[in-house]
Protein backbone atom coordinates (compact mmCIF):
# COMPACT_ATOMS: atom_id res chain seq x y z
CA ALA A 1 10.04 9.28 -16.63
CA GLN A 2 7.81 10.69 -13.66
CA ARG A 3 8.15 8.81 -10.64
CA PHE A 4 6.51 8.83 -6.78
CA THR A 5 7.59 8.56 -3.54
CA TYR A 6 4.96 8.70 -1.39
CA LEU A 7 5.47 9.06 2.63
CA VAL A 8 2.69 8.71 5.22
CA ASP A 9 3.93 9.41 9.35
CA ALA A 10 1.03 7.49 11.20
CA VAL A 11 0.83 8.57 15.51
CA GLY A 12 -1.86 6.38 17.67
CA ALA A 13 -4.07 8.12 20.58
CA ASP A 14 -1.41 5.86 22.77
CA GLY A 15 1.70 7.70 21.28
CA ARG A 16 3.10 5.33 19.22
CA ALA A 17 3.92 6.44 15.38
CA ALA A 18 5.50 4.90 12.12
CA ARG A 19 6.77 5.67 8.95
CA GLY A 20 5.03 4.53 5.78
CA VAL A 21 7.19 4.60 2.77
CA VAL A 22 5.88 3.93 -1.36
CA ARG A 23 8.19 4.47 -3.88
CA GLY A 24 7.70 3.78 -7.75
CA ARG A 25 7.13 5.40 -11.63
CA ASP A 26 4.31 6.05 -13.61
CA THR A 27 1.16 7.11 -11.29
CA TYR A 28 -1.61 6.30 -13.92
CA GLY A 29 0.38 2.74 -15.19
CA THR A 30 0.23 2.17 -11.95
CA THR A 31 -2.74 2.47 -10.52
CA THR A 32 -4.17 0.13 -13.61
CA VAL A 33 -2.08 -2.97 -11.99
CA ILE A 34 -3.60 -1.85 -8.67
CA ALA A 35 -6.87 -2.20 -9.46
CA VAL A 36 -6.06 -5.24 -11.88
CA GLU A 37 -4.34 -7.05 -8.42
CA ALA A 38 -7.73 -5.87 -6.28
CA ALA A 39 -10.30 -8.20 -9.17
CA ARG A 40 -7.75 -10.89 -8.78
CA ARG A 41 -7.26 -11.24 -5.30
CA LEU A 42 -11.33 -10.32 -5.26
CA VAL A 43 -11.50 -13.71 -7.46
CA ALA A 44 -10.10 -16.17 -5.77
CA ASP A 45 -9.76 -15.00 -2.22
CA GLY A 46 -12.92 -12.92 -2.09
CA ALA A 47 -13.39 -10.87 0.64
CA GLU A 48 -15.85 -9.49 3.87
CA PRO A 49 -19.29 -8.07 2.71
CA GLY A 50 -19.40 -4.49 2.56
CA VAL A 51 -17.47 -0.96 2.19
CA LEU A 52 -14.07 -1.88 2.83
CA ALA A 53 -10.55 0.25 2.22
CA PRO A 54 -8.02 -1.94 0.50
CA ALA A 55 -5.91 -2.43 3.09
CA GLN A 56 -8.78 -4.38 4.88
CA ALA A 57 -9.99 -6.27 1.70
CA PHE A 58 -6.63 -7.64 1.25
CA ASP A 59 -3.31 -8.13 3.42
CA PRO A 60 -1.28 -4.94 2.91
CA ALA A 61 2.48 -6.66 2.82
CA GLY A 62 1.16 -9.48 0.38
CA PHE A 63 0.12 -6.96 -1.64
CA LEU A 64 2.36 -3.76 -1.58
CA THR A 65 5.37 -7.14 -2.00
CA SER A 66 3.23 -7.95 -5.52
CA LEU A 67 3.34 -4.82 -6.70
CA ALA A 68 7.48 -4.93 -6.61
CA PRO A 69 7.63 -6.66 -11.00
CA HIS A 70 5.59 -3.35 -11.59
CA GLY A 71 8.41 -0.78 -9.44
CA ILE A 72 6.43 -0.47 -6.41
CA SER A 73 8.95 -0.55 -3.17
CA TRP A 74 7.58 0.41 -0.10
CA SER A 75 8.88 0.31 3.54
CA ILE A 76 7.91 0.83 7.50
CA THR A 77 9.48 2.47 9.69
CA VAL A 78 9.09 2.19 13.53
CA PRO A 79 9.00 3.83 15.18
CA PHE A 80 10.28 6.85 13.42
CA CYS A 81 11.67 10.03 14.78
CA ARG A 82 8.46 12.95 15.49
CA PRO A 83 9.32 16.30 14.30
């Protein structure tokens, strides 16, 4: 029954802003799905050598969209209204 919403506001040095929202259920189960999808992509497509953040290793939009069948939704709003 557990649900989550992650909201991230980002502001660049030039003042441009964006808001990202990810929603889903079952944090632990989602973590497992993310790990399996990352491993699948590494085997199928590889990645640049070295230590990378997931958003560097994989196309972020494609990766997040692949999680939709597991109850994950996401959106990015540019610009958002800053407080």
